Amino acid sequence: MSTATAPVRSLRSGTVLADLIPAGRARDLTLVVGGAALTGLAAQLSVPVPGSPVPVSGQTFAALLVGTALGARRAFLALALYAVAGMAGVPWFAQATSGWTMPSFGYILGMLLAATVVGALARRGADRSVLRTAGTMVLGSAVIYAVGVPYLAFATGMSFGQAVAAGLTPFLIGDALKAALAMGVLPTAWKLLGRNG
């Protein structure tokens, strides 16, 4: 294989966007802390939803973006840092909250799992085309809800149907918009990097 084709092949086989940053001792630590901080910042873009203890926020988008950009291992560590620091009192959950007793904490656990899942899929090229990115974002959102909605029902005493109405239905349009944004950003980044590689 010639050196001219090596960069293109490396972009296609098991690489996520973060792998394109030159390796160094501090790279992974910086990416993990940066992923946690990005999620915490995005969580502050938050709007209360009438009748729901769960606000609309940017943290789900950030968690899925961190997953696809960093890959499963680093994304897991970034979202674990986000969760543990927030449980310890850092006020960077949605609406500048912290702790683990709030009814929406299940969504944070779901984001940890979702970031890991989409990170593993990104290593298989799931963020390279519009359609694959759409599927990846839908699956990641489904994972978040699969953990968050039952936790919401348990934490509040709602029935499962009430939890779906309060913790899933109001967010579907926003999730579609977030997926559309990811569908534009991630494949475009890969095309630009592929041309430059």
N, C-alpha and C. Protein backbone atom coordinates (compact mmCIF):
# COMPACT_ATOMS: atom_id res chain seq x y z
N MET A 1 0.85 -1.17 0.00
CA MET A 1 0.00 0.00 0.00
C MET A 1 0.89 1.23 0.00
N SER A 2 0.57 2.17 -0.86
CA SER A 2 1.38 3.37 -0.95
C SER A 2 1.05 4.32 0.20
N THR A 3 1.95 5.22 0.46
CA THR A 3 1.71 6.18 1.52
C THR A 3 0.60 7.15 1.13
N ALA A 4 0.34 7.31 -0.16
CA ALA A 4 -0.72 8.22 -0.59
C ALA A 4 -2.10 7.70 -0.21
N THR A 5 -2.26 6.37 -0.18
CA THR A 5 -3.57 5.82 0.15
C THR A 5 -3.70 5.52 1.64
N ALA A 6 -2.64 5.52 2.40
CA ALA A 6 -2.71 5.17 3.81
C ALA A 6 -3.60 6.10 4.63
N PRO A 7 -3.51 7.44 4.46
CA PRO A 7 -4.38 8.29 5.26
C PRO A 7 -5.86 8.07 4.98
N VAL A 8 -6.22 7.86 3.70
CA VAL A 8 -7.62 7.65 3.36
C VAL A 8 -8.12 6.37 4.00
N ARG A 9 -7.33 5.31 3.94
CA ARG A 9 -7.74 4.05 4.55
C ARG A 9 -7.90 4.22 6.06
N SER A 10 -6.99 4.96 6.71
CA SER A 10 -7.10 5.13 8.16
C SER A 10 -8.35 5.90 8.53
N LEU A 11 -8.83 6.77 7.65
CA LEU A 11 -10.06 7.49 7.92
C LEU A 11 -11.27 6.57 7.85
N ARG A 12 -11.13 5.43 7.21
CA ARG A 12 -12.27 4.56 7.02
C ARG A 12 -12.33 3.40 7.99
N SER A 13 -11.24 3.00 8.57
CA SER A 13 -11.25 1.76 9.34
C SER A 13 -11.02 2.01 10.83
N GLY A 14 -12.08 2.01 11.59
CA GLY A 14 -11.98 2.06 13.04
C GLY A 14 -11.52 3.38 13.62
N THR A 15 -11.67 4.46 12.89
CA THR A 15 -11.21 5.76 13.35
C THR A 15 -12.41 6.64 13.70
N VAL A 16 -12.29 7.37 14.78
CA VAL A 16 -13.26 8.41 15.09
C VAL A 16 -12.55 9.76 14.95
N LEU A 17 -13.33 10.83 14.93
CA LEU A 17 -12.73 12.16 14.70
C LEU A 17 -11.60 12.48 15.66
N ALA A 18 -11.73 12.11 16.93
CA ALA A 18 -10.70 12.43 17.93
C ALA A 18 -9.38 11.74 17.63
N ASP A 19 -9.42 10.61 16.93
CA ASP A 19 -8.19 9.90 16.61
C ASP A 19 -7.31 10.67 15.63
N LEU A 20 -7.88 11.66 14.96
CA LEU A 20 -7.13 12.44 13.99
C LEU A 20 -6.30 13.54 14.66
N ILE A 21 -6.52 13.76 15.94
CA ILE A 21 -5.69 14.70 16.70
C ILE A 21 -4.38 13.99 17.02
N PRO A 22 -3.25 14.64 16.80
CA PRO A 22 -1.98 13.97 17.08
C PRO A 22 -1.92 13.42 18.51
N ALA A 23 -1.47 12.20 18.62
CA ALA A 23 -1.42 11.53 19.92
C ALA A 23 -0.36 12.17 20.80
N GLY A 24 -0.63 12.16 22.05
CA GLY A 24 0.30 12.65 23.04
C GLY A 24 -0.19 12.19 24.40
N ARG A 25 0.61 12.37 25.41
CA ARG A 25 0.22 11.90 26.74
C ARG A 25 -1.06 12.55 27.24
N ALA A 26 -1.23 13.81 26.92
CA ALA A 26 -2.36 14.54 27.48
C ALA A 26 -3.60 14.51 26.58
N ARG A 27 -3.49 13.94 25.38
CA ARG A 27 -4.61 14.00 24.44
C ARG A 27 -5.88 13.39 25.01
N ASP A 28 -5.82 12.14 25.44
CA ASP A 28 -7.04 11.48 25.90
C ASP A 28 -7.61 12.15 27.14
N LEU A 29 -6.76 12.56 28.06
CA LEU A 29 -7.24 13.25 29.26
C LEU A 29 -7.94 14.56 28.87
N THR A 30 -7.33 15.30 27.96
CA THR A 30 -7.92 16.55 27.50
C THR A 30 -9.26 16.30 26.82
N LEU A 31 -9.35 15.26 26.00
CA LEU A 31 -10.59 14.95 25.31
C LEU A 31 -11.70 14.53 26.29
N VAL A 32 -11.33 13.74 27.28
CA VAL A 32 -12.31 13.29 28.28
C VAL A 32 -12.83 14.48 29.09
N VAL A 33 -11.93 15.31 29.59
CA VAL A 33 -12.35 16.48 30.37
C VAL A 33 -13.13 17.45 29.48
N GLY A 34 -12.66 17.62 28.26
CA GLY A 34 -13.37 18.50 27.33
C GLY A 34 -14.76 17.99 26.99
N GLY A 35 -14.91 16.67 26.83
CA GLY A 35 -16.22 16.10 26.56
C GLY A 35 -17.18 16.30 27.71
N ALA A 36 -16.68 16.13 28.93
CA ALA A 36 -17.51 16.37 30.12
C ALA A 36 -17.90 17.84 30.20
N ALA A 37 -16.94 18.74 29.97
CA ALA A 37 -17.20 20.18 30.05
C ALA A 37 -18.19 20.61 28.97
N LEU A 38 -18.04 20.09 27.76
CA LEU A 38 -18.97 20.42 26.68
C LEU A 38 -20.39 20.00 27.05
N THR A 39 -20.53 18.82 27.62
CA THR A 39 -21.85 18.35 28.04
C THR A 39 -22.42 19.25 29.13
N GLY A 40 -21.58 19.63 30.09
CA GLY A 40 -22.03 20.52 31.15
C GLY A 40 -22.42 21.90 30.64
N LEU A 41 -21.68 22.43 29.69
CA LEU A 41 -22.03 23.72 29.10
C LEU A 41 -23.34 23.62 28.31
N ALA A 42 -23.46 22.57 27.51
CA ALA A 42 -24.67 22.40 26.71
C ALA A 42 -25.91 22.20 27.58
N ALA A 43 -25.72 21.61 28.76
CA ALA A 43 -26.85 21.41 29.68
C ALA A 43 -27.43 22.73 30.16
N GLN A 44 -26.62 23.79 30.12
CA GLN A 44 -27.12 25.08 30.58
C GLN A 44 -28.02 25.75 29.54
N LEU A 45 -28.00 25.25 28.31
CA LEU A 45 -28.97 25.68 27.30
C LEU A 45 -30.24 24.88 27.60
N SER A 46 -31.04 25.39 28.49
CA SER A 46 -32.12 24.61 29.08
C SER A 46 -33.40 25.43 29.17
N VAL A 47 -34.51 24.79 28.80
CA VAL A 47 -35.82 25.43 28.86
C VAL A 47 -36.78 24.50 29.58
N PRO A 48 -37.44 24.99 30.64
CA PRO A 48 -38.40 24.13 31.34
C PRO A 48 -39.56 23.72 30.42
N VAL A 49 -40.08 22.54 30.65
CA VAL A 49 -41.24 22.04 29.91
C VAL A 49 -42.41 22.03 30.88
N PRO A 50 -43.47 22.78 30.59
CA PRO A 50 -44.63 22.80 31.50
C PRO A 50 -45.17 21.39 31.76
N GLY A 51 -45.36 21.07 33.02
CA GLY A 51 -45.90 19.78 33.40
C GLY A 51 -44.90 18.64 33.44
N SER A 52 -43.62 18.96 33.23
CA SER A 52 -42.59 17.91 33.23
C SER A 52 -41.42 18.34 34.11
N PRO A 53 -40.88 17.41 34.90
CA PRO A 53 -39.68 17.75 35.68
C PRO A 53 -38.40 17.68 34.84
N VAL A 54 -38.55 17.36 33.56
CA VAL A 54 -37.39 17.22 32.67
C VAL A 54 -37.38 18.40 31.70
N PRO A 55 -36.32 19.23 31.70
CA PRO A 55 -36.28 20.36 30.76
C PRO A 55 -35.73 19.93 29.40
N VAL A 56 -36.01 20.74 28.39
CA VAL A 56 -35.33 20.60 27.11
C VAL A 56 -33.96 21.21 27.30
N SER A 57 -32.92 20.49 26.90
CA SER A 57 -31.57 21.04 27.05
C SER A 57 -30.67 20.55 25.93
N GLY A 58 -29.49 21.14 25.87
CA GLY A 58 -28.52 20.74 24.87
C GLY A 58 -27.65 19.57 25.29
N GLN A 59 -27.84 19.06 26.51
CA GLN A 59 -26.91 18.03 26.99
C GLN A 59 -27.04 16.71 26.24
N THR A 60 -28.24 16.36 25.78
CA THR A 60 -28.36 15.10 25.05
C THR A 60 -27.61 15.17 23.72
N PHE A 61 -27.73 16.31 23.04
CA PHE A 61 -27.00 16.48 21.79
C PHE A 61 -25.50 16.42 22.04
N ALA A 62 -25.05 17.10 23.09
CA ALA A 62 -23.62 17.10 23.41
C ALA A 62 -23.14 15.69 23.73
N ALA A 63 -23.92 14.94 24.49
CA ALA A 63 -23.52 13.57 24.85
C ALA A 63 -23.37 12.69 23.61
N LEU A 64 -24.31 12.82 22.68
CA LEU A 64 -24.23 12.01 21.45
C LEU A 64 -23.08 12.48 20.57
N LEU A 65 -22.85 13.78 20.53
CA LEU A 65 -21.72 14.31 19.76
C LEU A 65 -20.40 13.85 20.36
N VAL A 66 -20.30 13.90 21.69
CA VAL A 66 -19.09 13.41 22.37
C VAL A 66 -18.87 11.93 22.05
N GLY A 67 -19.94 11.15 22.07
CA GLY A 67 -19.82 9.73 21.75
C GLY A 67 -19.28 9.49 20.36
N THR A 68 -19.86 10.15 19.36
CA THR A 68 -19.41 9.90 17.99
C THR A 68 -18.01 10.45 17.74
N ALA A 69 -17.68 11.57 18.35
CA ALA A 69 -16.38 12.18 18.11
C ALA A 69 -15.24 11.50 18.86
N LEU A 70 -15.52 11.01 20.07
CA LEU A 70 -14.44 10.46 20.89
C LEU A 70 -14.31 8.95 20.82
N GLY A 71 -15.35 8.24 20.41
CA GLY A 71 -15.32 6.78 20.45
C GLY A 71 -15.79 6.29 21.81
N ALA A 72 -16.11 5.01 21.89
CA ALA A 72 -16.79 4.45 23.06
C ALA A 72 -16.02 4.65 24.37
N ARG A 73 -14.75 4.32 24.39
CA ARG A 73 -14.00 4.36 25.66
C ARG A 73 -13.87 5.77 26.21
N ARG A 74 -13.41 6.69 25.38
CA ARG A 74 -13.25 8.07 25.85
C ARG A 74 -14.61 8.71 26.15
N ALA A 75 -15.63 8.38 25.35
CA ALA A 75 -16.97 8.93 25.60
C ALA A 75 -17.52 8.43 26.93
N PHE A 76 -17.33 7.14 27.21
CA PHE A 76 -17.77 6.60 28.49
C PHE A 76 -17.10 7.35 29.64
N LEU A 77 -15.79 7.55 29.53
CA LEU A 77 -15.06 8.25 30.59
C LEU A 77 -15.52 9.70 30.73
N ALA A 78 -15.77 10.37 29.59
CA ALA A 78 -16.21 11.76 29.64
C ALA A 78 -17.58 11.89 30.30
N LEU A 79 -18.52 11.01 29.92
CA LEU A 79 -19.86 11.10 30.51
C LEU A 79 -19.87 10.58 31.94
N ALA A 80 -18.98 9.65 32.26
CA ALA A 80 -18.86 9.21 33.66
C ALA A 80 -18.32 10.36 34.51
N LEU A 81 -17.34 11.10 34.00
CA LEU A 81 -16.83 12.26 34.72
C LEU A 81 -17.93 13.29 34.90
N TYR A 82 -18.69 13.54 33.86
CA TYR A 82 -19.81 14.48 33.93
C TYR A 82 -20.80 14.05 35.02
N ALA A 83 -21.17 12.78 35.02
CA ALA A 83 -22.14 12.27 35.99
C ALA A 83 -21.59 12.32 37.42
N VAL A 84 -20.38 11.83 37.62
CA VAL A 84 -19.81 11.76 38.97
C VAL A 84 -19.57 13.17 39.54
N ALA A 85 -19.06 14.06 38.70
CA ALA A 85 -18.83 15.43 39.19
C ALA A 85 -20.16 16.10 39.54
N GLY A 86 -21.18 15.88 38.72
CA GLY A 86 -22.49 16.44 39.03
C GLY A 86 -23.10 15.84 40.28
N MET A 87 -22.90 14.56 40.49
CA MET A 87 -23.38 13.91 41.71
C MET A 87 -22.65 14.47 42.93
N ALA A 88 -21.38 14.84 42.74
CA ALA A 88 -20.58 15.36 43.85
C ALA A 88 -20.85 16.82 44.14
N GLY A 89 -21.67 17.48 43.31
CA GLY A 89 -22.04 18.86 43.61
C GLY A 89 -21.70 19.90 42.55
N VAL A 90 -21.00 19.53 41.49
CA VAL A 90 -20.74 20.50 40.42
C VAL A 90 -22.08 20.82 39.76
N PRO A 91 -22.49 22.09 39.74
CA PRO A 91 -23.83 22.44 39.24
C PRO A 91 -23.88 22.54 37.71
N TRP A 92 -23.60 21.44 37.02
CA TRP A 92 -23.57 21.51 35.57
C TRP A 92 -24.55 20.55 34.90
N PHE A 93 -25.50 20.03 35.67
CA PHE A 93 -26.63 19.36 35.04
C PHE A 93 -27.58 20.44 34.54
N ALA A 94 -28.62 20.06 33.83
CA ALA A 94 -29.55 21.05 33.27
C ALA A 94 -30.07 21.98 34.35
N GLN A 95 -30.18 23.24 34.01
CA GLN A 95 -30.65 24.29 34.91
C GLN A 95 -29.74 24.46 36.12
N ALA A 96 -28.43 24.25 35.91
CA ALA A 96 -27.42 24.44 36.96
C ALA A 96 -27.71 23.63 38.21
N THR A 97 -28.20 22.40 38.05
CA THR A 97 -28.47 21.52 39.17
C THR A 97 -27.34 20.51 39.34
N SER A 98 -27.38 19.81 40.45
CA SER A 98 -26.42 18.75 40.71
C SER A 98 -27.10 17.71 41.61
N GLY A 99 -26.41 16.62 41.85
CA GLY A 99 -26.94 15.57 42.71
C GLY A 99 -27.52 14.41 41.91
N TRP A 100 -27.97 13.41 42.64
CA TRP A 100 -28.49 12.22 41.96
C TRP A 100 -29.93 11.90 42.36
N THR A 101 -30.55 12.74 43.18
CA THR A 101 -31.91 12.45 43.64
C THR A 101 -32.98 13.07 42.75
N MET A 102 -32.60 13.87 41.78
CA MET A 102 -33.61 14.50 40.92
C MET A 102 -34.25 13.49 39.98
N PRO A 103 -35.50 13.69 39.61
CA PRO A 103 -36.21 12.73 38.77
C PRO A 103 -35.60 12.54 37.38
N SER A 104 -34.85 13.54 36.92
CA SER A 104 -34.25 13.45 35.58
C SER A 104 -32.88 12.79 35.57
N PHE A 105 -32.41 12.31 36.71
CA PHE A 105 -31.06 11.72 36.75
C PHE A 105 -30.95 10.49 35.85
N GLY A 106 -32.03 9.79 35.62
CA GLY A 106 -32.00 8.63 34.72
C GLY A 106 -31.56 8.98 33.31
N TYR A 107 -31.87 10.20 32.89
CA TYR A 107 -31.45 10.62 31.55
C TYR A 107 -29.93 10.77 31.49
N ILE A 108 -29.33 11.20 32.59
CA ILE A 108 -27.87 11.32 32.63
C ILE A 108 -27.23 9.94 32.54
N LEU A 109 -27.81 8.97 33.26
CA LEU A 109 -27.32 7.59 33.13
C LEU A 109 -27.53 7.07 31.71
N GLY A 110 -28.67 7.41 31.13
CA GLY A 110 -28.93 7.02 29.74
C GLY A 110 -27.94 7.64 28.77
N MET A 111 -27.54 8.90 29.03
CA MET A 111 -26.55 9.55 28.16
C MET A 111 -25.19 8.86 28.25
N LEU A 112 -24.84 8.41 29.43
CA LEU A 112 -23.59 7.67 29.61
C LEU A 112 -23.60 6.42 28.74
N LEU A 113 -24.67 5.68 28.79
CA LEU A 113 -24.78 4.47 27.98
C LEU A 113 -24.87 4.81 26.49
N ALA A 114 -25.67 5.82 26.14
CA ALA A 114 -25.85 6.19 24.73
C ALA A 114 -24.54 6.67 24.11
N ALA A 115 -23.77 7.47 24.83
CA ALA A 115 -22.49 7.95 24.29
C ALA A 115 -21.56 6.79 24.01
N THR A 116 -21.60 5.78 24.86
CA THR A 116 -20.76 4.59 24.65
C THR A 116 -21.22 3.82 23.42
N VAL A 117 -22.53 3.67 23.27
CA VAL A 117 -23.07 2.93 22.12
C VAL A 117 -22.77 3.66 20.81
N VAL A 118 -23.06 4.96 20.75
CA VAL A 118 -22.81 5.67 19.49
C VAL A 118 -21.32 5.78 19.22
N GLY A 119 -20.51 5.82 20.27
CA GLY A 119 -19.06 5.82 20.06
C GLY A 119 -18.57 4.53 19.43
N ALA A 120 -19.14 3.40 19.87
CA ALA A 120 -18.78 2.12 19.26
C ALA A 120 -19.24 2.06 17.81
N LEU A 121 -20.42 2.59 17.53
CA LEU A 121 -20.92 2.62 16.15
C LEU A 121 -20.09 3.55 15.28
N ALA A 122 -19.64 4.67 15.83
CA ALA A 122 -18.81 5.60 15.06
C ALA A 122 -17.51 4.93 14.64
N ARG A 123 -16.96 4.05 15.46
CA ARG A 123 -15.75 3.31 15.08
C ARG A 123 -16.00 2.42 13.87
N ARG A 124 -17.26 2.11 13.62
CA ARG A 124 -17.64 1.28 12.46
C ARG A 124 -18.15 2.14 11.30
N GLY A 125 -17.93 3.45 11.39
CA GLY A 125 -18.29 4.35 10.30
C GLY A 125 -19.71 4.86 10.33
N ALA A 126 -20.39 4.77 11.46
CA ALA A 126 -21.80 5.15 11.54
C ALA A 126 -22.02 6.66 11.50
N ASP A 127 -20.96 7.44 11.50
CA ASP A 127 -21.10 8.90 11.44
C ASP A 127 -20.57 9.47 10.12
N ARG A 128 -20.41 8.61 9.12
CA ARG A 128 -19.78 9.05 7.87
C ARG A 128 -20.77 9.50 6.80
N SER A 129 -22.01 9.04 6.86
CA SER A 129 -23.01 9.45 5.87
C SER A 129 -24.24 10.00 6.59
N VAL A 130 -25.05 10.71 5.85
CA VAL A 130 -26.25 11.32 6.43
C VAL A 130 -27.18 10.25 6.99
N LEU A 131 -27.45 9.21 6.23
CA LEU A 131 -28.39 8.17 6.69
C LEU A 131 -27.85 7.40 7.88
N ARG A 132 -26.59 7.03 7.85
CA ARG A 132 -26.03 6.30 8.99
C ARG A 132 -25.97 7.18 10.24
N THR A 133 -25.66 8.46 10.05
CA THR A 133 -25.65 9.37 11.20
C THR A 133 -27.05 9.50 11.78
N ALA A 134 -28.05 9.59 10.91
CA ALA A 134 -29.44 9.68 11.39
C ALA A 134 -29.79 8.46 12.22
N GLY A 135 -29.46 7.28 11.73
CA GLY A 135 -29.74 6.05 12.48
C GLY A 135 -29.01 6.01 13.80
N THR A 136 -27.77 6.47 13.81
CA THR A 136 -26.98 6.49 15.04
C THR A 136 -27.59 7.44 16.07
N MET A 137 -28.02 8.61 15.63
CA MET A 137 -28.63 9.58 16.55
C MET A 137 -29.97 9.07 17.09
N VAL A 138 -30.76 8.44 16.23
CA VAL A 138 -32.04 7.88 16.67
C VAL A 138 -31.81 6.79 17.71
N LEU A 139 -30.85 5.91 17.44
CA LEU A 139 -30.54 4.84 18.40
C LEU A 139 -30.03 5.42 19.71
N GLY A 140 -29.14 6.41 19.64
CA GLY A 140 -28.63 7.03 20.86
C GLY A 140 -29.74 7.67 21.68
N SER A 141 -30.65 8.36 21.01
CA SER A 141 -31.79 8.97 21.72
C SER A 141 -32.67 7.90 22.35
N ALA A 142 -32.89 6.80 21.62
CA ALA A 142 -33.71 5.72 22.16
C ALA A 142 -33.09 5.12 23.42
N VAL A 143 -31.77 5.00 23.43
CA VAL A 143 -31.08 4.47 24.62
C VAL A 143 -31.28 5.42 25.80
N ILE A 144 -31.17 6.72 25.55
CA ILE A 144 -31.37 7.70 26.63
C ILE A 144 -32.77 7.56 27.21
N TYR A 145 -33.77 7.48 26.35
CA TYR A 145 -35.15 7.35 26.83
C TYR A 145 -35.40 6.01 27.49
N ALA A 146 -34.75 4.97 27.02
CA ALA A 146 -34.96 3.63 27.59
C ALA A 146 -34.52 3.58 29.05
N VAL A 147 -33.57 4.43 29.43
CA VAL A 147 -33.15 4.52 30.82
C VAL A 147 -33.89 5.65 31.55
N GLY A 148 -34.00 6.79 30.89
CA GLY A 148 -34.55 7.97 31.54
C GLY A 148 -36.03 7.90 31.87
N VAL A 149 -36.84 7.36 30.96
CA VAL A 149 -38.29 7.33 31.20
C VAL A 149 -38.66 6.39 32.35
N PRO A 150 -38.17 5.15 32.39
CA PRO A 150 -38.49 4.31 33.55
C PRO A 150 -37.98 4.89 34.87
N TYR A 151 -36.79 5.50 34.84
CA TYR A 151 -36.26 6.14 36.05
C TYR A 151 -37.19 7.27 36.50
N LEU A 152 -37.67 8.06 35.53
CA LEU A 152 -38.60 9.15 35.85
C LEU A 152 -39.86 8.60 36.49
N ALA A 153 -40.40 7.53 35.94
CA ALA A 153 -41.61 6.92 36.51
C ALA A 153 -41.35 6.45 37.94
N PHE A 154 -40.22 5.79 38.14
CA PHE A 154 -39.88 5.28 39.48
C PHE A 154 -39.67 6.41 40.47
N ALA A 155 -38.93 7.45 40.04
CA ALA A 155 -38.56 8.54 40.96
C ALA A 155 -39.74 9.42 41.34
N THR A 156 -40.74 9.50 40.47
CA THR A 156 -41.86 10.40 40.73
C THR A 156 -43.15 9.68 41.12
N GLY A 157 -43.20 8.37 40.94
CA GLY A 157 -44.43 7.63 41.18
C GLY A 157 -45.42 7.72 40.04
N MET A 158 -44.99 8.26 38.90
CA MET A 158 -45.86 8.32 37.73
C MET A 158 -46.07 6.91 37.18
N SER A 159 -47.18 6.72 36.47
CA SER A 159 -47.33 5.50 35.69
C SER A 159 -46.36 5.59 34.50
N PHE A 160 -46.12 4.46 33.86
CA PHE A 160 -45.22 4.48 32.71
C PHE A 160 -45.78 5.39 31.61
N GLY A 161 -47.08 5.33 31.39
CA GLY A 161 -47.70 6.19 30.39
C GLY A 161 -47.54 7.67 30.70
N GLN A 162 -47.68 8.03 31.98
CA GLN A 162 -47.48 9.41 32.39
C GLN A 162 -46.02 9.84 32.19
N ALA A 163 -45.11 8.93 32.48
CA ALA A 163 -43.68 9.23 32.30
C ALA A 163 -43.35 9.42 30.83
N VAL A 164 -43.96 8.63 29.97
CA VAL A 164 -43.75 8.81 28.52
C VAL A 164 -44.29 10.18 28.10
N ALA A 165 -45.47 10.54 28.59
CA ALA A 165 -46.08 11.82 28.23
C ALA A 165 -45.26 13.00 28.74
N ALA A 166 -44.65 12.86 29.90
CA ALA A 166 -43.88 13.96 30.50
C ALA A 166 -42.41 13.94 30.13
N GLY A 167 -41.86 12.75 29.85
CA GLY A 167 -40.42 12.64 29.68
C GLY A 167 -39.94 12.16 28.33
N LEU A 168 -40.86 11.98 27.37
CA LEU A 168 -40.45 11.56 26.04
C LEU A 168 -41.15 12.38 24.97
N THR A 169 -42.47 12.37 24.98
CA THR A 169 -43.26 13.01 23.91
C THR A 169 -42.90 14.47 23.67
N PRO A 170 -42.73 15.30 24.72
CA PRO A 170 -42.43 16.72 24.46
C PRO A 170 -41.07 16.97 23.80
N PHE A 171 -40.23 15.95 23.77
CA PHE A 171 -38.85 16.14 23.32
C PHE A 171 -38.58 15.62 21.91
N LEU A 172 -39.57 14.99 21.29
CA LEU A 172 -39.33 14.34 20.00
C LEU A 172 -38.98 15.33 18.89
N ILE A 173 -39.65 16.47 18.85
CA ILE A 173 -39.34 17.44 17.79
C ILE A 173 -37.92 17.99 17.98
N GLY A 174 -37.57 18.30 19.22
CA GLY A 174 -36.20 18.77 19.48
C GLY A 174 -35.16 17.73 19.13
N ASP A 175 -35.45 16.47 19.42
CA ASP A 175 -34.51 15.41 19.07
C ASP A 175 -34.35 15.28 17.56
N ALA A 176 -35.44 15.48 16.83
CA ALA A 176 -35.35 15.43 15.37
C ALA A 176 -34.47 16.57 14.86
N LEU A 177 -34.60 17.75 15.45
CA LEU A 177 -33.75 18.88 15.04
C LEU A 177 -32.28 18.63 15.38
N LYS A 178 -32.03 18.05 16.56
CA LYS A 178 -30.65 17.72 16.95
C LYS A 178 -30.05 16.68 16.01
N ALA A 179 -30.85 15.68 15.63
CA ALA A 179 -30.38 14.65 14.70
C ALA A 179 -30.07 15.28 13.35
N ALA A 180 -30.91 16.20 12.89
CA ALA A 180 -30.68 16.87 11.61
C ALA A 180 -29.37 17.66 11.65
N LEU A 181 -29.11 18.32 12.77
CA LEU A 181 -27.86 19.07 12.91
C LEU A 181 -26.67 18.12 12.84
N ALA A 182 -26.74 17.01 13.55
CA ALA A 182 -25.65 16.02 13.52
C ALA A 182 -25.49 15.44 12.12
N MET A 183 -26.61 15.23 11.42
CA MET A 183 -26.55 14.68 10.06
C MET A 183 -25.82 15.62 9.12
N GLY A 184 -25.86 16.91 9.41
CA GLY A 184 -25.12 17.86 8.58
C GLY A 184 -23.66 17.99 9.00
N VAL A 185 -23.42 18.03 10.30
CA VAL A 185 -22.08 18.33 10.81
C VAL A 185 -21.12 17.16 10.66
N LEU A 186 -21.51 15.98 11.13
CA LEU A 186 -20.54 14.87 11.19
C LEU A 186 -20.11 14.37 9.81
N PRO A 187 -21.02 14.05 8.90
CA PRO A 187 -20.56 13.62 7.57
C PRO A 187 -19.76 14.70 6.84
N THR A 188 -20.12 15.97 7.05
CA THR A 188 -19.37 17.06 6.42
C THR A 188 -17.95 17.11 6.96
N ALA A 189 -17.80 16.94 8.26
CA ALA A 189 -16.45 16.92 8.84
C ALA A 189 -15.60 15.82 8.24
N TRP A 190 -16.20 14.63 8.08
CA TRP A 190 -15.45 13.52 7.48
C TRP A 190 -15.10 13.78 6.02
N LYS A 191 -16.01 14.40 5.28
CA LYS A 191 -15.71 14.71 3.87
C LYS A 191 -14.55 15.69 3.78
N LEU A 192 -14.58 16.71 4.62
CA LEU A 192 -13.49 17.68 4.62
C LEU A 192 -12.17 17.02 5.00
N LEU A 193 -12.21 16.19 6.01
CA LEU A 193 -10.98 15.51 6.44
C LEU A 193 -10.51 14.50 5.41
N GLY A 194 -11.44 13.86 4.74
CA GLY A 194 -11.08 12.90 3.69
C GLY A 194 -10.40 13.59 2.52
N ARG A 195 -10.89 14.76 2.16
CA ARG A 195 -10.26 15.52 1.08
C ARG A 195 -8.90 16.02 1.49
N ASN A 196 -8.75 16.38 2.78
CA ASN A 196 -7.48 16.88 3.24
C ASN A 196 -6.48 15.77 3.53
N GLY A 197 -7.04 14.52 3.75
CA GLY A 197 -6.15 13.42 4.11
C GLY A 197 -5.42 12.89 2.95
